[in-house]
Amino acid sequence: MKYRQLGRTGLKVSEIGFGAWAIGSDWGPQKEQDSIDALHQAIDLGVNFIDTAAGYGKGKSEKIIAHVLKERKEKVYVATKIPPERGPWPPTPYCIAEHRYSESYMRRSIEERLRNLETDCIDILQLHTWTRAWNKNPTPFDILKKLQSEGKISYIGLSTPEHDQNCVIDLMRRSYLDTVQVIYNIFEQEPAAELLPTALDHNVGIIIRVVFDEGILTGKYDVTSKFPEGDFRNRYFEGDRLARVIRRVDKIRQEIKDSDFTLPQVALKFALAHPAVSTVIPGIRNKKHAVMNTAVSGMKDLPEELLLRLRRHAWHRAFWYAGK
């Protein structure tokens, strides 16, 4: 496993981290022992960064992580997230920051995160979404600074809203953020225009999520694929979306057919190729996932010529829930 600096935090984190959404909820049936085994296997293979959230199984993901880390001697960094209080997701331009992320609410949520993770201090606390309407007066980060000074959290981060990831750029320039979690993959390349260069300029750690575009860039789905009831992917790939995206994936398969890489390896290496990226957090549900994903860190980099060709597969779908 290779390690990279997580921006100005000074933490050295594994290139491949552990995305812990699926071990909490929303991705079909998941046996708790499989989750425990997956975490142990990943840590055995050098993973020292785990990403979770309050909303992943209403704290279930955090509790499983705490259970595993009690049995480990290694230092493993955990980033978790708190959502805004009840209301539109993502927040609308008319939402008020002090209502959605009030100090009393944030304190209660962070205390719950501390209990679930069985720790006295959260390594990285991320707000789970945002709106650029709050950028002129981002009071929630002033509250997080206060909690940081109290020793409740070590570093402050933000997970970008999918439809407006660039809304975090001003916050990075104004030094509100130690880390940013962003969607960046072969289809979603817009962050390379300004967000990722700004992170480099201001030494903000970048955590890449959705590197497989909710699994499609692993190549394991086809037009007949079905997902369990309650599975997040039923919404993400509803209607004709699955058929449309599979046609795009087939073109990438043709692009890489003469390379030495599989499709999921290419997806991970594409994200890791950008110098602003500190870690990539694919979802890991079992030991097999842990082995396959962590192995990519030790592989050679993608050839520059292949990287350039992959850039042509950027897909400007604007969250792709509407239009063709």
C-alpha atoms as a PDB file:
ATOM      1  CA  MET A   1       0.000   0.000   0.000  1.00  0.00           C
ATOM      2  CA  LYS A   2       1.200   3.490  -0.860  1.00  0.00           C
ATOM      3  CA  TYR A   3       0.434   6.502   1.306  1.00  0.00           C
ATOM      4  CA  ARG A   4      -0.158  10.193   0.554  1.00  0.00           C
ATOM      5  CA  GLN A   5      -0.373  13.400   2.546  1.00  0.00           C
ATOM      6  CA  LEU A   6      -3.951  14.428   3.330  1.00  0.00           C
ATOM      7  CA  GLY A   7      -3.493  18.106   2.590  1.00  0.00           C
ATOM      8  CA  ARG A   8      -2.462  20.350   5.449  1.00  0.00           C
ATOM      9  CA  THR A   9      -3.619  17.853   8.077  1.00  0.00           C
ATOM     10  CA  GLY A  10      -0.190  16.235   7.889  1.00  0.00           C
ATOM     11  CA  LEU A  11      -1.825  12.806   8.075  1.00  0.00           C
ATOM     12  CA  LYS A  12      -0.391  10.124   5.807  1.00  0.00           C
ATOM     13  CA  VAL A  13      -3.319   8.084   4.514  1.00  0.00           C
ATOM     14  CA  SER A  14      -3.557   4.999   2.334  1.00  0.00           C
ATOM     15  CA  GLU A  15      -4.187   5.670  -1.355  1.00  0.00           C
ATOM     16  CA  ILE A  16      -7.070   3.225  -1.138  1.00  0.00           C
ATOM     17  CA  GLY A  17      -9.405   3.893   1.752  1.00  0.00           C
ATOM     18  CA  PHE A  18     -12.497   2.051   2.964  1.00  0.00           C
ATOM     19  CA  GLY A  19     -15.872   3.409   1.880  1.00  0.00           C
ATOM     20  CA  ALA A  20     -18.258   2.260   4.620  1.00  0.00           C
ATOM     21  CA  TRP A  21     -21.712   3.171   3.290  1.00  0.00           C
ATOM     22  CA  ALA A  22     -22.610  -0.368   2.199  1.00  0.00           C
ATOM     23  CA  ILE A  23     -21.751  -1.915   5.569  1.00  0.00           C
ATOM     24  CA  GLY A  24     -24.359   0.353   7.118  1.00  0.00           C
ATOM     25  CA  SER A  25     -27.305   0.290   4.721  1.00  0.00           C
ATOM     26  CA  ASP A  26     -28.880   1.028   1.338  1.00  0.00           C
ATOM     27  CA  TRP A  27     -26.947  -1.441  -0.821  1.00  0.00           C
ATOM     28  CA  GLY A  28     -28.937  -4.609  -0.334  1.00  0.00           C
ATOM     29  CA  PRO A  29     -28.564  -7.328   2.323  1.00  0.00           C
ATOM     30  CA  GLN A  30     -25.282  -7.221   4.203  1.00  0.00           C
ATOM     31  CA  LYS A  31     -24.149  -9.665   6.877  1.00  0.00           C
ATOM     32  CA  GLU A  32     -22.453  -7.943   9.795  1.00  0.00           C
ATOM     33  CA  GLN A  33     -19.726 -10.589   9.927  1.00  0.00           C
ATOM     34  CA  ASP A  34     -18.904  -9.895   6.271  1.00  0.00           C
ATOM     35  CA  SER A  35     -18.501  -6.220   7.162  1.00  0.00           C
ATOM     36  CA  ILE A  36     -16.239  -7.046  10.103  1.00  0.00           C
ATOM     37  CA  ASP A  37     -14.146  -9.414   7.998  1.00  0.00           C
ATOM     38  CA  ALA A  38     -13.868  -6.821   5.220  1.00  0.00           C
ATOM     39  CA  LEU A  39     -12.592  -4.162   7.611  1.00  0.00           C
ATOM     40  CA  HIS A  40     -10.028  -6.488   9.143  1.00  0.00           C
ATOM     41  CA  GLN A  41      -8.850  -7.623   5.713  1.00  0.00           C
ATOM     42  CA  ALA A  42      -8.496  -4.050   4.465  1.00  0.00           C
ATOM     43  CA  ILE A  43      -6.486  -3.010   7.526  1.00  0.00           C
ATOM     44  CA  ASP A  44      -4.310  -6.116   7.185  1.00  0.00           C
ATOM     45  CA  LEU A  45      -3.539  -4.930   3.643  1.00  0.00           C
ATOM     46  CA  GLY A  46      -2.511  -1.434   4.733  1.00  0.00           C
ATOM     47  CA  VAL A  47      -5.728   0.608   4.701  1.00  0.00           C
ATOM     48  CA  ASN A  48      -5.562   3.288   7.394  1.00  0.00           C
ATOM     49  CA  PHE A  49      -8.433   5.542   6.298  1.00  0.00           C
ATOM     50  CA  ILE A  50     -12.152   4.803   6.668  1.00  0.00           C
ATOM     51  CA  ASP A  51     -15.026   7.027   5.600  1.00  0.00           C
ATOM     52  CA  THR A  52     -18.484   6.708   7.137  1.00  0.00           C
ATOM     53  CA  ALA A  53     -21.464   8.897   8.077  1.00  0.00           C
ATOM     54  CA  ALA A  54     -24.248   9.337  10.590  1.00  0.00           C
ATOM     55  CA  GLY A  55     -26.732   8.354   7.901  1.00  0.00           C
ATOM     56  CA  TYR A  56     -25.139   5.024   7.033  1.00  0.00           C
ATOM     57  CA  GLY A  57     -27.599   2.747   8.777  1.00  0.00           C
ATOM     58  CA  LYS A  58     -28.414   5.400  11.398  1.00  0.00           C
ATOM     59  CA  GLY A  59     -24.993   4.925  12.968  1.00  0.00           C
ATOM     60  CA  LYS A  60     -24.664   1.198  12.264  1.00  0.00           C
ATOM     61  CA  SER A  61     -21.622   1.688  10.045  1.00  0.00           C
ATOM     62  CA  GLU A  62     -19.876   3.749  12.739  1.00  0.00           C
ATOM     63  CA  LYS A  63     -20.577   1.128  15.399  1.00  0.00           C
ATOM     64  CA  ILE A  64     -19.176  -1.718  13.280  1.00  0.00           C
ATOM     65  CA  ILE A  65     -16.038   0.332  12.628  1.00  0.00           C
ATOM     66  CA  ALA A  66     -15.623   0.986  16.359  1.00  0.00           C
ATOM     67  CA  HIS A  67     -16.022  -2.728  17.089  1.00  0.00           C
ATOM     68  CA  VAL A  68     -13.254  -3.618  14.641  1.00  0.00           C
ATOM     69  CA  LEU A  69     -10.849  -0.855  15.652  1.00  0.00           C
ATOM     70  CA  LYS A  70     -11.011  -1.970  19.305  1.00  0.00           C
ATOM     71  CA  GLU A  71      -9.342  -5.185  18.137  1.00  0.00           C
ATOM     72  CA  ARG A  72      -6.573  -3.442  16.147  1.00  0.00           C
ATOM     73  CA  LYS A  73      -3.314  -1.884  17.266  1.00  0.00           C
ATOM     74  CA  GLU A  74      -2.726   0.090  14.068  1.00  0.00           C
ATOM     75  CA  LYS A  75      -3.612   3.770  13.853  1.00  0.00           C
ATOM     76  CA  VAL A  76      -6.590   4.033  11.529  1.00  0.00           C
ATOM     77  CA  TYR A  77      -8.105   7.434  10.727  1.00  0.00           C
ATOM     78  CA  VAL A  78     -11.893   7.679  10.575  1.00  0.00           C
ATOM     79  CA  ALA A  79     -13.807  10.424   8.788  1.00  0.00           C
ATOM     80  CA  THR A  80     -17.512  10.675   9.482  1.00  0.00           C
ATOM     81  CA  LYS A  81     -20.254  13.069   8.393  1.00  0.00           C
ATOM     82  CA  ILE A  82     -23.272  14.806   9.855  1.00  0.00           C
ATOM     83  CA  PRO A  83     -26.261  15.739   7.688  1.00  0.00           C
ATOM     84  CA  PRO A  84     -28.182  18.985   8.028  1.00  0.00           C
ATOM     85  CA  GLU A  85     -31.282  18.955  10.192  1.00  0.00           C
ATOM     86  CA  ARG A  86     -34.525  17.835   8.561  1.00  0.00           C
ATOM     87  CA  GLY A  87     -35.340  19.629   5.315  1.00  0.00           C
ATOM     88  CA  PRO A  88     -34.565  19.558   1.586  1.00  0.00           C
ATOM     89  CA  TRP A  89     -31.564  17.526   0.430  1.00  0.00           C
ATOM     90  CA  PRO A  90     -29.473  19.169  -0.803  1.00  0.00           C
ATOM     91  CA  PRO A  91     -30.318  22.440   0.938  1.00  0.00           C
ATOM     92  CA  THR A  92     -32.059  25.001  -1.277  1.00  0.00           C
ATOM     93  CA  PRO A  93     -30.873  28.608  -1.708  1.00  0.00           C
ATOM     94  CA  TYR A  94     -33.672  29.578   0.688  1.00  0.00           C
ATOM     95  CA  CYS A  95     -32.529  27.383   3.563  1.00  0.00           C
ATOM     96  CA  ILE A  96     -30.887  29.164   6.494  1.00  0.00           C
ATOM     97  CA  ALA A  97     -27.554  27.741   7.639  1.00  0.00           C
ATOM     98  CA  GLU A  98     -28.243  28.406  11.308  1.00  0.00           C
ATOM     99  CA  HIS A  99     -31.454  26.377  11.043  1.00  0.00           C
ATOM    100  CA  ARG A 100     -30.054  23.387   9.154  1.00  0.00           C
ATOM    101  CA  TYR A 101     -26.715  23.288  11.022  1.00  0.00           C
ATOM    102  CA  SER A 102     -27.484  24.910  14.350  1.00  0.00           C
ATOM    103  CA  GLU A 103     -24.926  24.735  17.152  1.00  0.00           C
ATOM    104  CA  SER A 104     -27.219  22.740  19.439  1.00  0.00           C
ATOM    105  CA  TYR A 105     -27.959  20.218  16.693  1.00  0.00           C
ATOM    106  CA  MET A 106     -24.334  19.871  15.649  1.00  0.00           C
ATOM    107  CA  ARG A 107     -23.217  19.341  19.230  1.00  0.00           C
ATOM    108  CA  ARG A 108     -25.833  16.609  19.736  1.00  0.00           C
ATOM    109  CA  SER A 109     -24.877  14.888  16.498  1.00  0.00           C
ATOM    110  CA  ILE A 110     -21.161  15.033  17.203  1.00  0.00           C
ATOM    111  CA  GLU A 111     -21.677  13.604  20.685  1.00  0.00           C
ATOM    112  CA  GLU A 112     -23.564  10.733  19.062  1.00  0.00           C
ATOM    113  CA  ARG A 113     -20.710  10.221  16.566  1.00  0.00           C
ATOM    114  CA  LEU A 114     -18.234  10.096  19.455  1.00  0.00           C
ATOM    115  CA  ARG A 115     -20.328   7.480  21.246  1.00  0.00           C
ATOM    116  CA  ASN A 116     -20.815   5.364  18.137  1.00  0.00           C
ATOM    117  CA  LEU A 117     -17.128   5.464  17.261  1.00  0.00           C
ATOM    118  CA  GLU A 118     -16.144   4.978  20.929  1.00  0.00           C
ATOM    119  CA  THR A 119     -13.615   7.795  20.834  1.00  0.00           C
ATOM    120  CA  ASP A 120     -12.965  11.105  22.548  1.00  0.00           C
ATOM    121  CA  CYS A 121     -12.062  12.937  19.335  1.00  0.00           C
ATOM    122  CA  ILE A 122     -13.237  12.510  15.733  1.00  0.00           C
ATOM    123  CA  ASP A 123     -10.329  12.486  13.282  1.00  0.00           C
ATOM    124  CA  ILE A 124     -12.245  14.271  10.490  1.00  0.00           C
ATOM    125  CA  LEU A 125     -15.757  15.646  10.837  1.00  0.00           C
ATOM    126  CA  GLN A 126     -17.405  16.438   7.507  1.00  0.00           C
ATOM    127  CA  LEU A 127     -20.657  18.221   6.793  1.00  0.00           C
ATOM    128  CA  HIS A 128     -22.548  15.834   4.522  1.00  0.00           C
ATOM    129  CA  THR A 129     -23.871  18.451   2.091  1.00  0.00           C
ATOM    130  CA  TRP A 130     -23.941  22.198   1.477  1.00  0.00           C
ATOM    131  CA  THR A 131     -25.329  25.036  -0.618  1.00  0.00           C
ATOM    132  CA  ARG A 132     -23.356  27.920  -2.098  1.00  0.00           C
ATOM    133  CA  ALA A 133     -26.068  30.204  -0.693  1.00  0.00           C
ATOM    134  CA  TRP A 134     -24.242  29.927   2.644  1.00  0.00           C
ATOM    135  CA  ASN A 135     -20.767  30.768   1.349  1.00  0.00           C
ATOM    136  CA  LYS A 136     -20.886  34.465   2.272  1.00  0.00           C
ATOM    137  CA  ASN A 137     -21.575  33.628   5.901  1.00  0.00           C
ATOM    138  CA  PRO A 138     -20.628  29.972   6.538  1.00  0.00           C
ATOM    139  CA  THR A 139     -21.508  29.959  10.239  1.00  0.00           C
ATOM    140  CA  PRO A 140     -21.535  26.132  10.564  1.00  0.00           C
ATOM    141  CA  PHE A 141     -17.770  26.134  10.093  1.00  0.00           C
ATOM    142  CA  ASP A 142     -17.347  28.703  12.854  1.00  0.00           C
ATOM    143  CA  ILE A 143     -19.191  26.257  15.118  1.00  0.00           C
ATOM    144  CA  LEU A 144     -16.930  23.415  13.985  1.00  0.00           C
ATOM    145  CA  LYS A 145     -13.877  25.575  14.735  1.00  0.00           C
ATOM    146  CA  LYS A 146     -15.207  25.991  18.267  1.00  0.00           C
ATOM    147  CA  LEU A 147     -15.685  22.228  18.620  1.00  0.00           C
ATOM    148  CA  GLN A 148     -12.196  21.717  17.239  1.00  0.00           C
ATOM    149  CA  SER A 149     -10.758  24.024  19.916  1.00  0.00           C
ATOM    150  CA  GLU A 150     -12.628  21.960  22.517  1.00  0.00           C
ATOM    151  CA  GLY A 151     -10.917  18.795  21.313  1.00  0.00           C
ATOM    152  CA  LYS A 152     -14.054  17.132  19.934  1.00  0.00           C
ATOM    153  CA  ILE A 153     -12.743  16.981  16.367  1.00  0.00           C
ATOM    154  CA  SER A 154      -9.275  17.154  14.836  1.00  0.00           C
ATOM    155  CA  TYR A 155      -9.982  18.303  11.263  1.00  0.00           C
ATOM    156  CA  ILE A 156     -12.890  19.846   9.370  1.00  0.00           C
ATOM    157  CA  GLY A 157     -14.201  18.672   6.031  1.00  0.00           C
ATOM    158  CA  LEU A 158     -17.114  18.910   3.634  1.00  0.00           C
ATOM    159  CA  SER A 159     -18.693  16.385   1.271  1.00  0.00           C
ATOM    160  CA  THR A 160     -19.737  18.166  -1.914  1.00  0.00           C
ATOM    161  CA  PRO A 161     -23.352  18.333  -3.119  1.00  0.00           C
ATOM    162  CA  GLU A 162     -23.430  16.267  -6.318  1.00  0.00           C
ATOM    163  CA  HIS A 163     -25.084  18.873  -8.536  1.00  0.00           C
ATOM    164  CA  ASP A 164     -22.838  21.792  -7.493  1.00  0.00           C
ATOM    165  CA  GLN A 165     -19.462  20.495  -6.406  1.00  0.00           C
ATOM    166  CA  ASN A 166     -17.727  23.758  -7.270  1.00  0.00           C
ATOM    167  CA  CYS A 167     -19.596  25.529  -4.463  1.00  0.00           C
ATOM    168  CA  VAL A 168     -16.754  24.472  -2.120  1.00  0.00           C
ATOM    169  CA  ILE A 169     -14.029  26.316  -4.040  1.00  0.00           C
ATOM    170  CA  ASP A 170     -14.562  29.641  -2.270  1.00  0.00           C
ATOM    171  CA  LEU A 171     -14.497  27.863   1.101  1.00  0.00           C
ATOM    172  CA  MET A 172     -11.164  26.232   0.242  1.00  0.00           C
ATOM    173  CA  ARG A 173      -9.656  29.572  -0.748  1.00  0.00           C
ATOM    174  CA  ARG A 174     -10.802  31.090   2.542  1.00  0.00           C
ATOM    175  CA  SER A 175      -9.223  28.256   4.591  1.00  0.00           C
ATOM    176  CA  TYR A 176     -12.442  26.907   6.092  1.00  0.00           C
ATOM    177  CA  LEU A 177     -11.696  23.336   5.019  1.00  0.00           C
ATOM    178  CA  ASP A 178      -8.951  20.846   5.807  1.00  0.00           C
ATOM    179  CA  THR A 179     -10.479  18.200   3.516  1.00  0.00           C
ATOM    180  CA  VAL A 180     -13.053  17.957   0.749  1.00  0.00           C
ATOM    181  CA  GLN A 181     -14.814  14.785  -0.343  1.00  0.00           C
ATOM    182  CA  VAL A 182     -15.659  14.974  -4.033  1.00  0.00           C
ATOM    183  CA  ILE A 183     -17.102  12.842  -6.840  1.00  0.00           C
ATOM    184  CA  TYR A 184     -14.403  12.309  -9.456  1.00  0.00           C
ATOM    185  CA  ASN A 185     -14.317   9.452 -11.935  1.00  0.00           C
ATOM    186  CA  ILE A 186     -13.958   8.674 -15.643  1.00  0.00           C
ATOM    187  CA  PHE A 187     -17.417  10.093 -16.311  1.00  0.00           C
ATOM    188  CA  GLU A 188     -17.361  12.956 -13.785  1.00  0.00           C
ATOM    189  CA  GLN A 189     -14.206  14.926 -14.631  1.00  0.00           C
ATOM    190  CA  GLU A 190     -15.391  18.492 -14.018  1.00  0.00           C
ATOM    191  CA  PRO A 191     -13.448  18.780 -10.699  1.00  0.00           C
ATOM    192  CA  ALA A 192     -10.216  18.745 -12.739  1.00  0.00           C
ATOM    193  CA  ALA A 193     -11.115  22.163 -14.153  1.00  0.00           C
ATOM    194  CA  GLU A 194     -10.904  24.206 -10.946  1.00  0.00           C
ATOM    195  CA  LEU A 195     -11.753  22.306  -7.768  1.00  0.00           C
ATOM    196  CA  LEU A 196      -8.748  19.961  -7.750  1.00  0.00           C
ATOM    197  CA  PRO A 197      -6.219  22.660  -8.770  1.00  0.00           C
ATOM    198  CA  THR A 198      -7.588  24.903  -6.010  1.00  0.00           C
ATOM    199  CA  ALA A 199      -7.093  22.076  -3.501  1.00  0.00           C
ATOM    200  CA  LEU A 200      -3.457  21.839  -4.583  1.00  0.00           C
ATOM    201  CA  ASP A 201      -2.973  25.597  -4.316  1.00  0.00           C
ATOM    202  CA  HIS A 202      -4.437  25.721  -0.796  1.00  0.00           C
ATOM    203  CA  ASN A 203      -3.199  22.354   0.488  1.00  0.00           C
ATOM    204  CA  VAL A 204      -6.672  20.897   1.045  1.00  0.00           C
ATOM    205  CA  GLY A 205      -6.841  17.116   1.312  1.00  0.00           C
ATOM    206  CA  ILE A 206      -8.989  15.479  -1.376  1.00  0.00           C
ATOM    207  CA  ILE A 207     -11.034  12.335  -0.686  1.00  0.00           C
ATOM    208  CA  ILE A 208     -12.523  10.768  -3.824  1.00  0.00           C
ATOM    209  CA  ARG A 209     -15.923   9.100  -3.613  1.00  0.00           C
ATOM    210  CA  VAL A 210     -18.083   7.382  -6.281  1.00  0.00           C
ATOM    211  CA  VAL A 211     -14.959   6.320  -8.176  1.00  0.00           C
ATOM    212  CA  PHE A 212     -16.930   3.407  -9.680  1.00  0.00           C
ATOM    213  CA  ASP A 213     -19.983   5.603 -10.398  1.00  0.00           C
ATOM    214  CA  GLU A 214     -22.115   3.591  -7.962  1.00  0.00           C
ATOM    215  CA  GLY A 215     -20.663   0.304  -9.232  1.00  0.00           C
ATOM    216  CA  ILE A 216     -21.131   0.682 -12.978  1.00  0.00           C
ATOM    217  CA  LEU A 217     -17.405   1.220 -13.618  1.00  0.00           C
ATOM    218  CA  THR A 218     -16.616  -2.161 -12.106  1.00  0.00           C
ATOM    219  CA  GLY A 219     -18.207  -3.689 -15.200  1.00  0.00           C
ATOM    220  CA  LYS A 220     -20.349  -6.094 -13.191  1.00  0.00           C
ATOM    221  CA  TYR A 221     -23.753  -4.827 -14.385  1.00  0.00           C
ATOM    222  CA  ASP A 222     -25.611  -5.395 -17.648  1.00  0.00           C
ATOM    223  CA  VAL A 223     -29.039  -4.310 -18.920  1.00  0.00           C
ATOM    224  CA  THR A 224     -30.707  -7.202 -17.072  1.00  0.00           C
ATOM    225  CA  SER A 225     -29.210  -6.318 -13.674  1.00  0.00           C
ATOM    226  CA  LYS A 226     -31.695  -6.043 -10.799  1.00  0.00           C
ATOM    227  CA  PHE A 227     -31.134  -4.624  -7.342  1.00  0.00           C
ATOM    228  CA  PRO A 228     -32.755  -5.619  -4.036  1.00  0.00           C
ATOM    229  CA  GLU A 229     -35.745  -3.713  -2.727  1.00  0.00           C
ATOM    230  CA  GLY A 230     -34.627  -0.598  -0.863  1.00  0.00           C
ATOM    231  CA  ASP A 231     -31.251  -0.571  -2.628  1.00  0.00           C
ATOM    232  CA  PHE A 232     -29.976   2.917  -3.477  1.00  0.00           C
ATOM    233  CA  ARG A 233     -29.110   1.781  -7.004  1.00  0.00           C
ATOM    234  CA  ASN A 234     -32.790   1.352  -7.887  1.00  0.00           C
ATOM    235  CA  ARG A 235     -33.087   5.137  -7.738  1.00  0.00           C
ATOM    236  CA  TYR A 236     -29.731   5.924  -9.281  1.00  0.00           C
ATOM    237  CA  PHE A 237     -30.269   3.663 -12.299  1.00  0.00           C
ATOM    238  CA  GLU A 238     -34.038   4.013 -12.651  1.00  0.00           C
ATOM    239  CA  GLY A 239     -35.763   4.254 -16.024  1.00  0.00           C
ATOM    240  CA  ASP A 240     -33.397   4.030 -18.986  1.00  0.00           C
ATOM    241  CA  ARG A 241     -30.331   5.180 -17.071  1.00  0.00           C
ATOM    242  CA  LEU A 242     -28.810   1.722 -16.645  1.00  0.00           C
ATOM    243  CA  ALA A 243     -28.970   0.977 -20.373  1.00  0.00           C
ATOM    244  CA  ARG A 244     -27.525   4.406 -21.215  1.00  0.00           C
ATOM    245  CA  VAL A 245     -24.585   4.114 -18.855  1.00  0.00           C
ATOM    246  CA  ILE A 246     -23.782   0.548 -19.912  1.00  0.00           C
ATOM    247  CA  ARG A 247     -23.366   1.778 -23.500  1.00  0.00           C
ATOM    248  CA  ARG A 248     -20.822   4.275 -22.168  1.00  0.00           C
ATOM    249  CA  VAL A 249     -19.022   1.594 -20.174  1.00  0.00           C
ATOM    250  CA  ASP A 250     -18.761  -0.610 -23.252  1.00  0.00           C
ATOM    251  CA  LYS A 251     -16.890   2.185 -25.026  1.00  0.00           C
ATOM    252  CA  ILE A 252     -14.410   2.382 -22.138  1.00  0.00           C
ATOM    253  CA  ARG A 253     -13.929  -1.386 -22.313  1.00  0.00           C
ATOM    254  CA  GLN A 254     -12.902  -1.000 -25.926  1.00  0.00           C
ATOM    255  CA  GLU A 255     -10.563   1.838 -24.967  1.00  0.00           C
ATOM    256  CA  ILE A 256      -8.650  -0.299 -22.450  1.00  0.00           C
ATOM    257  CA  LYS A 257      -8.837  -3.704 -24.138  1.00  0.00           C
ATOM    258  CA  ASP A 258      -5.143  -3.699 -25.096  1.00  0.00           C
ATOM    259  CA  SER A 259      -3.955  -2.492 -21.684  1.00  0.00           C
ATOM    260  CA  ASP A 260      -2.846  -4.637 -18.757  1.00  0.00           C
ATOM    261  CA  PHE A 261      -5.648  -3.305 -16.540  1.00  0.00           C
ATOM    262  CA  THR A 262      -9.160  -4.416 -15.705  1.00  0.00           C
ATOM    263  CA  LEU A 263     -11.992  -1.881 -15.770  1.00  0.00           C
ATOM    264  CA  PRO A 264     -12.132  -1.375 -11.974  1.00  0.00           C
ATOM    265  CA  GLN A 265      -8.338  -1.043 -11.845  1.00  0.00           C
ATOM    266  CA  VAL A 266      -8.477   1.623 -14.539  1.00  0.00           C
ATOM    267  CA  ALA A 267     -11.236   3.450 -12.639  1.00  0.00           C
ATOM    268  CA  LEU A 268      -9.172   3.579  -9.444  1.00  0.00           C
ATOM    269  CA  LYS A 269      -5.923   4.474 -11.190  1.00  0.00           C
ATOM    270  CA  PHE A 270      -7.631   7.238 -13.179  1.00  0.00           C
ATOM    271  CA  ALA A 271      -8.694   8.964  -9.955  1.00  0.00           C
ATOM    272  CA  LEU A 272      -5.315   8.426  -8.287  1.00  0.00           C
ATOM    273  CA  ALA A 273      -3.512   9.948 -11.281  1.00  0.00           C
ATOM    274  CA  HIS A 274      -4.463  13.502 -10.273  1.00  0.00           C
ATOM    275  CA  PRO A 275      -1.826  15.014  -7.946  1.00  0.00           C
ATOM    276  CA  ALA A 276      -4.459  16.678  -5.741  1.00  0.00           C
ATOM    277  CA  VAL A 277      -5.955  13.332  -4.723  1.00  0.00           C
ATOM    278  CA  SER A 278      -4.979  11.948  -1.319  1.00  0.00           C
ATOM    279  CA  THR A 279      -7.192   8.868  -1.099  1.00  0.00           C
ATOM    280  CA  VAL A 280      -9.950   7.063  -2.980  1.00  0.00           C
ATOM    281  CA  ILE A 281     -12.715   5.382  -0.963  1.00  0.00           C
ATOM    282  CA  PRO A 282     -14.400   2.609  -2.964  1.00  0.00           C
ATOM    283  CA  GLY A 283     -17.210   0.798  -1.227  1.00  0.00           C
ATOM    284  CA  ILE A 284     -15.929  -2.424   0.346  1.00  0.00           C
ATOM    285  CA  ARG A 285     -18.432  -5.044   1.497  1.00  0.00           C
ATOM    286  CA  ASN A 286     -16.370  -8.220   1.832  1.00  0.00           C
ATOM    287  CA  LYS A 287     -12.851  -9.620   1.938  1.00  0.00           C
ATOM    288  CA  LYS A 288     -12.729 -10.080  -1.833  1.00  0.00           C
ATOM    289  CA  HIS A 289     -13.480  -6.394  -2.393  1.00  0.00           C
ATOM    290  CA  ALA A 290     -10.774  -5.471   0.107  1.00  0.00           C
ATOM    291  CA  VAL A 291      -8.157  -7.598  -1.646  1.00  0.00           C
ATOM    292  CA  MET A 292      -9.032  -6.443  -5.158  1.00  0.00           C
ATOM    293  CA  ASN A 293      -9.226  -2.741  -4.366  1.00  0.00           C
ATOM    294  CA  THR A 294      -6.134  -2.481  -2.179  1.00  0.00           C
ATOM    295  CA  ALA A 295      -4.013  -4.355  -4.738  1.00  0.00           C
ATOM    296  CA  VAL A 296      -4.389  -1.452  -7.158  1.00  0.00           C
ATOM    297  CA  SER A 297      -2.168   0.804  -5.051  1.00  0.00           C
ATOM    298  CA  GLY A 298       0.846  -1.363  -5.769  1.00  0.00           C
ATOM    299  CA  MET A 299       0.260  -1.508  -9.512  1.00  0.00           C
ATOM    300  CA  LYS A 300       2.041   0.641 -12.081  1.00  0.00           C
ATOM    301  CA  ASP A 301       0.452   3.953 -13.036  1.00  0.00           C
ATOM    302  CA  LEU A 302      -1.726   4.265 -16.107  1.00  0.00           C
ATOM    303  CA  PRO A 303       0.290   5.228 -19.210  1.00  0.00           C
ATOM    304  CA  GLU A 304      -0.057   8.917 -20.043  1.00  0.00           C
ATOM    305  CA  GLU A 305      -1.403   8.066 -23.463  1.00  0.00           C
ATOM    306  CA  LEU A 306      -4.231   5.982 -21.930  1.00  0.00           C
ATOM    307  CA  LEU A 307      -5.033   8.725 -19.431  1.00  0.00           C
ATOM    308  CA  LEU A 308      -5.408  11.192 -22.281  1.00  0.00           C
ATOM    309  CA  ARG A 309      -7.778   8.839 -24.115  1.00  0.00           C
ATOM    310  CA  LEU A 310      -9.858   8.297 -20.982  1.00  0.00           C
ATOM    311  CA  ARG A 311     -10.399  12.026 -20.676  1.00  0.00           C
ATOM    312  CA  ARG A 312     -12.560  11.803 -23.801  1.00  0.00           C
ATOM    313  CA  HIS A 313     -15.084   9.724 -21.853  1.00  0.00           C
ATOM    314  CA  ALA A 314     -16.115  12.594 -19.599  1.00  0.00           C
ATOM    315  CA  TRP A 315     -19.910  12.730 -19.537  1.00  0.00           C
ATOM    316  CA  HIS A 316     -21.576  16.106 -18.995  1.00  0.00           C
ATOM    317  CA  ARG A 317     -24.813  14.747 -17.630  1.00  0.00           C
ATOM    318  CA  ALA A 318     -25.487  17.437 -14.975  1.00  0.00           C
ATOM    319  CA  PHE A 319     -26.518  14.916 -12.336  1.00  0.00           C
ATOM    320  CA  TRP A 320     -28.227  13.090 -15.235  1.00  0.00           C
ATOM    321  CA  TYR A 321     -31.555  12.689 -13.520  1.00  0.00           C
ATOM    322  CA  ALA A 322     -33.245  14.748 -16.208  1.00  0.00           C
ATOM    323  CA  GLY A 323     -32.778  14.965 -19.963  1.00  0.00           C
ATOM    324  CA  LYS A 324     -30.988  12.647 -22.334  1.00  0.00           C
END
